[in-house]
């Protein structure tokens, strides 16, 4: 009985951890490669970020605390979110959406995004 209870409790904890929570994120819309390989905390220029995105590099939100938020969808197959982020390339934004965390990665289903005022 104790083993069954432990298994049920562990399953409930996993399901609770998988539930997304709504968060608001502030940071720069940045080409993911520049952030990781060039250690940039903010974009070099709007033109650079747009060129990278148009070449297929994923845009991400590089938050003030250094966290990287990968925009995604809950549709299958998932589609690139670059079109949603392109108008904000190299700008500071405030984005609200559902946060999914797996390992050290953070994915955000963006419900609202706007330039930071």
C-alpha atoms as a PDB file:
ATOM      1  CA  UNK A   1       0.000   0.000   0.000  1.00  0.00           C
ATOM      2  CA  UNK A   2       2.821   2.390   0.879  1.00  0.00           C
ATOM      3  CA  UNK A   3       4.489   1.804  -2.512  1.00  0.00           C
ATOM      4  CA  UNK A   4       1.224   2.540  -4.314  1.00  0.00           C
ATOM      5  CA  UNK A   5       0.736   5.759  -2.312  1.00  0.00           C
ATOM      6  CA  UNK A   6       4.316   6.843  -3.084  1.00  0.00           C
ATOM      7  CA  UNK A   7       3.799   6.163  -6.801  1.00  0.00           C
ATOM      8  CA  UNK A   8       0.535   8.126  -6.860  1.00  0.00           C
ATOM      9  CA  UNK A   9       2.120  11.020  -4.968  1.00  0.00           C
ATOM     10  CA  UNK A  10       5.118  11.085  -7.329  1.00  0.00           C
ATOM     11  CA  UNK A  11       2.797  11.068 -10.351  1.00  0.00           C
ATOM     12  CA  UNK A  12       0.771  13.951  -8.922  1.00  0.00           C
ATOM     13  CA  UNK A  13       3.942  15.940  -8.283  1.00  0.00           C
ATOM     14  CA  UNK A  14       5.107  15.411 -11.867  1.00  0.00           C
ATOM     15  CA  UNK A  15       1.756  16.532 -13.238  1.00  0.00           C
ATOM     16  CA  UNK A  16       1.773  19.614 -11.017  1.00  0.00           C
ATOM     17  CA  UNK A  17       5.301  20.480 -12.171  1.00  0.00           C
ATOM     18  CA  UNK A  18       4.179  20.193 -15.810  1.00  0.00           C
ATOM     19  CA  UNK A  19       1.390  22.728 -15.313  1.00  0.00           C
ATOM     20  CA  UNK A  20       2.407  26.031 -16.861  1.00  0.00           C
ATOM     21  CA  UNK A  21       2.190  29.231 -14.909  1.00  0.00           C
ATOM     22  CA  UNK A  22       1.610  32.685 -16.333  1.00  0.00           C
ATOM     23  CA  UNK A  23       4.645  34.955 -16.034  1.00  0.00           C
ATOM     24  CA  UNK A  24       5.762  38.368 -17.214  1.00  0.00           C
ATOM     25  CA  UNK A  25       9.282  38.624 -18.606  1.00  0.00           C
ATOM     26  CA  UNK A  26      11.323  41.759 -19.318  1.00  0.00           C
ATOM     27  CA  UNK A  27      14.406  41.704 -21.514  1.00  0.00           C
ATOM     28  CA  UNK A  28      15.865  42.089 -24.989  1.00  0.00           C
ATOM     29  CA  UNK A  29      14.724  40.268 -28.117  1.00  0.00           C
ATOM     30  CA  UNK A  30      18.038  38.833 -29.231  1.00  0.00           C
ATOM     31  CA  UNK A  31      19.322  36.375 -31.807  1.00  0.00           C
ATOM     32  CA  UNK A  32      19.950  33.175 -29.862  1.00  0.00           C
ATOM     33  CA  UNK A  33      23.368  32.543 -31.439  1.00  0.00           C
ATOM     34  CA  UNK A  34      24.637  36.000 -30.476  1.00  0.00           C
ATOM     35  CA  UNK A  35      23.592  35.463 -26.893  1.00  0.00           C
ATOM     36  CA  UNK A  36      25.245  32.085 -26.545  1.00  0.00           C
ATOM     37  CA  UNK A  37      28.287  32.266 -28.811  1.00  0.00           C
ATOM     38  CA  UNK A  38      29.124  35.982 -28.516  1.00  0.00           C
ATOM     39  CA  UNK A  39      28.002  36.359 -24.884  1.00  0.00           C
ATOM     40  CA  UNK A  40      25.914  39.410 -25.755  1.00  0.00           C
ATOM     41  CA  UNK A  41      23.360  40.607 -23.208  1.00  0.00           C
ATOM     42  CA  UNK A  42      21.696  42.928 -25.699  1.00  0.00           C
ATOM     43  CA  UNK A  43      21.653  43.110 -29.511  1.00  0.00           C
ATOM     44  CA  UNK A  44      24.236  44.991 -31.547  1.00  0.00           C
ATOM     45  CA  UNK A  45      21.588  46.601 -33.767  1.00  0.00           C
ATOM     46  CA  UNK A  46      18.075  46.179 -35.076  1.00  0.00           C
ATOM     47  CA  UNK A  47      19.408  45.363 -38.563  1.00  0.00           C
ATOM     48  CA  UNK A  48      21.700  42.646 -37.209  1.00  0.00           C
ATOM     49  CA  UNK A  49      18.959  40.967 -35.169  1.00  0.00           C
ATOM     50  CA  UNK A  50      16.519  41.124 -38.088  1.00  0.00           C
ATOM     51  CA  UNK A  51      19.066  39.703 -40.543  1.00  0.00           C
ATOM     52  CA  UNK A  52      19.830  36.783 -38.233  1.00  0.00           C
ATOM     53  CA  UNK A  53      16.135  36.059 -37.722  1.00  0.00           C
ATOM     54  CA  UNK A  54      15.406  36.207 -41.447  1.00  0.00           C
ATOM     55  CA  UNK A  55      18.299  33.780 -42.010  1.00  0.00           C
ATOM     56  CA  UNK A  56      16.552  31.327 -39.677  1.00  0.00           C
ATOM     57  CA  UNK A  57      18.219  31.901 -36.320  1.00  0.00           C
ATOM     58  CA  UNK A  58      15.646  31.750 -33.516  1.00  0.00           C
ATOM     59  CA  UNK A  59      14.951  34.976 -31.669  1.00  0.00           C
ATOM     60  CA  UNK A  60      14.732  34.633 -27.900  1.00  0.00           C
ATOM     61  CA  UNK A  61      14.006  36.895 -24.979  1.00  0.00           C
ATOM     62  CA  UNK A  62      17.192  37.436 -22.987  1.00  0.00           C
ATOM     63  CA  UNK A  63      15.893  38.446 -19.563  1.00  0.00           C
ATOM     64  CA  UNK A  64      17.577  40.870 -17.219  1.00  0.00           C
ATOM     65  CA  UNK A  65      18.599  38.049 -14.865  1.00  0.00           C
ATOM     66  CA  UNK A  66      20.338  36.177 -17.707  1.00  0.00           C
ATOM     67  CA  UNK A  67      17.539  33.665 -18.236  1.00  0.00           C
ATOM     68  CA  UNK A  68      16.770  32.783 -21.840  1.00  0.00           C
ATOM     69  CA  UNK A  69      13.131  32.340 -22.815  1.00  0.00           C
ATOM     70  CA  UNK A  70      12.529  30.322 -25.982  1.00  0.00           C
ATOM     71  CA  UNK A  71       9.233  31.386 -27.581  1.00  0.00           C
ATOM     72  CA  UNK A  72       7.162  28.381 -28.583  1.00  0.00           C
ATOM     73  CA  UNK A  73       3.614  27.249 -29.257  1.00  0.00           C
ATOM     74  CA  UNK A  74       1.494  24.466 -27.882  1.00  0.00           C
ATOM     75  CA  UNK A  75       0.489  23.428 -31.413  1.00  0.00           C
ATOM     76  CA  UNK A  76       1.964  20.336 -33.011  1.00  0.00           C
ATOM     77  CA  UNK A  77       4.101  20.676 -34.936  1.00  0.00           C
ATOM     78  CA  UNK A  78       5.363  23.823 -33.246  1.00  0.00           C
ATOM     79  CA  UNK A  79       5.986  26.761 -35.560  1.00  0.00           C
ATOM     80  CA  UNK A  80       8.739  29.348 -35.448  1.00  0.00           C
ATOM     81  CA  UNK A  81       7.842  32.392 -33.390  1.00  0.00           C
ATOM     82  CA  UNK A  82      10.263  34.694 -35.243  1.00  0.00           C
ATOM     83  CA  UNK A  83       7.384  36.439 -37.061  1.00  0.00           C
ATOM     84  CA  UNK A  84       5.876  37.378 -33.692  1.00  0.00           C
ATOM     85  CA  UNK A  85       9.227  38.649 -32.360  1.00  0.00           C
ATOM     86  CA  UNK A  86      10.638  40.268 -35.506  1.00  0.00           C
ATOM     87  CA  UNK A  87       8.860  43.626 -34.950  1.00  0.00           C
ATOM     88  CA  UNK A  88      10.627  43.771 -31.555  1.00  0.00           C
ATOM     89  CA  UNK A  89      14.101  42.658 -32.721  1.00  0.00           C
ATOM     90  CA  UNK A  90      16.837  44.366 -30.676  1.00  0.00           C
ATOM     91  CA  UNK A  91      14.285  46.077 -28.425  1.00  0.00           C
ATOM     92  CA  UNK A  92      13.489  45.687 -24.760  1.00  0.00           C
ATOM     93  CA  UNK A  93      10.124  44.038 -24.338  1.00  0.00           C
ATOM     94  CA  UNK A  94       7.618  43.007 -21.753  1.00  0.00           C
ATOM     95  CA  UNK A  95       6.144  39.620 -22.615  1.00  0.00           C
ATOM     96  CA  UNK A  96       3.423  37.755 -20.763  1.00  0.00           C
ATOM     97  CA  UNK A  97       2.598  34.122 -21.339  1.00  0.00           C
ATOM     98  CA  UNK A  98       2.653  30.563 -20.143  1.00  0.00           C
ATOM     99  CA  UNK A  99       6.019  29.371 -18.870  1.00  0.00           C
ATOM    100  CA  UNK A 100       7.226  25.803 -19.320  1.00  0.00           C
ATOM    101  CA  UNK A 101      10.450  24.715 -17.619  1.00  0.00           C
ATOM    102  CA  UNK A 102      12.334  21.547 -18.469  1.00  0.00           C
ATOM    103  CA  UNK A 103      15.784  20.980 -17.074  1.00  0.00           C
ATOM    104  CA  UNK A 104      17.495  24.337 -17.379  1.00  0.00           C
ATOM    105  CA  UNK A 105      15.435  25.478 -20.382  1.00  0.00           C
ATOM    106  CA  UNK A 106      12.547  27.930 -20.286  1.00  0.00           C
ATOM    107  CA  UNK A 107       9.921  28.070 -23.024  1.00  0.00           C
ATOM    108  CA  UNK A 108       7.290  30.776 -23.217  1.00  0.00           C
ATOM    109  CA  UNK A 109       3.994  30.688 -25.071  1.00  0.00           C
ATOM    110  CA  UNK A 110       3.645  34.420 -25.638  1.00  0.00           C
ATOM    111  CA  UNK A 111       0.134  35.725 -25.047  1.00  0.00           C
ATOM    112  CA  UNK A 112       1.096  39.421 -25.099  1.00  0.00           C
ATOM    113  CA  UNK A 113       4.279  41.241 -26.077  1.00  0.00           C
ATOM    114  CA  UNK A 114       5.035  44.938 -26.310  1.00  0.00           C
ATOM    115  CA  UNK A 115       8.017  47.264 -26.317  1.00  0.00           C
ATOM    116  CA  UNK A 116       9.017  48.242 -22.810  1.00  0.00           C
ATOM    117  CA  UNK A 117       8.006  51.804 -22.016  1.00  0.00           C
END
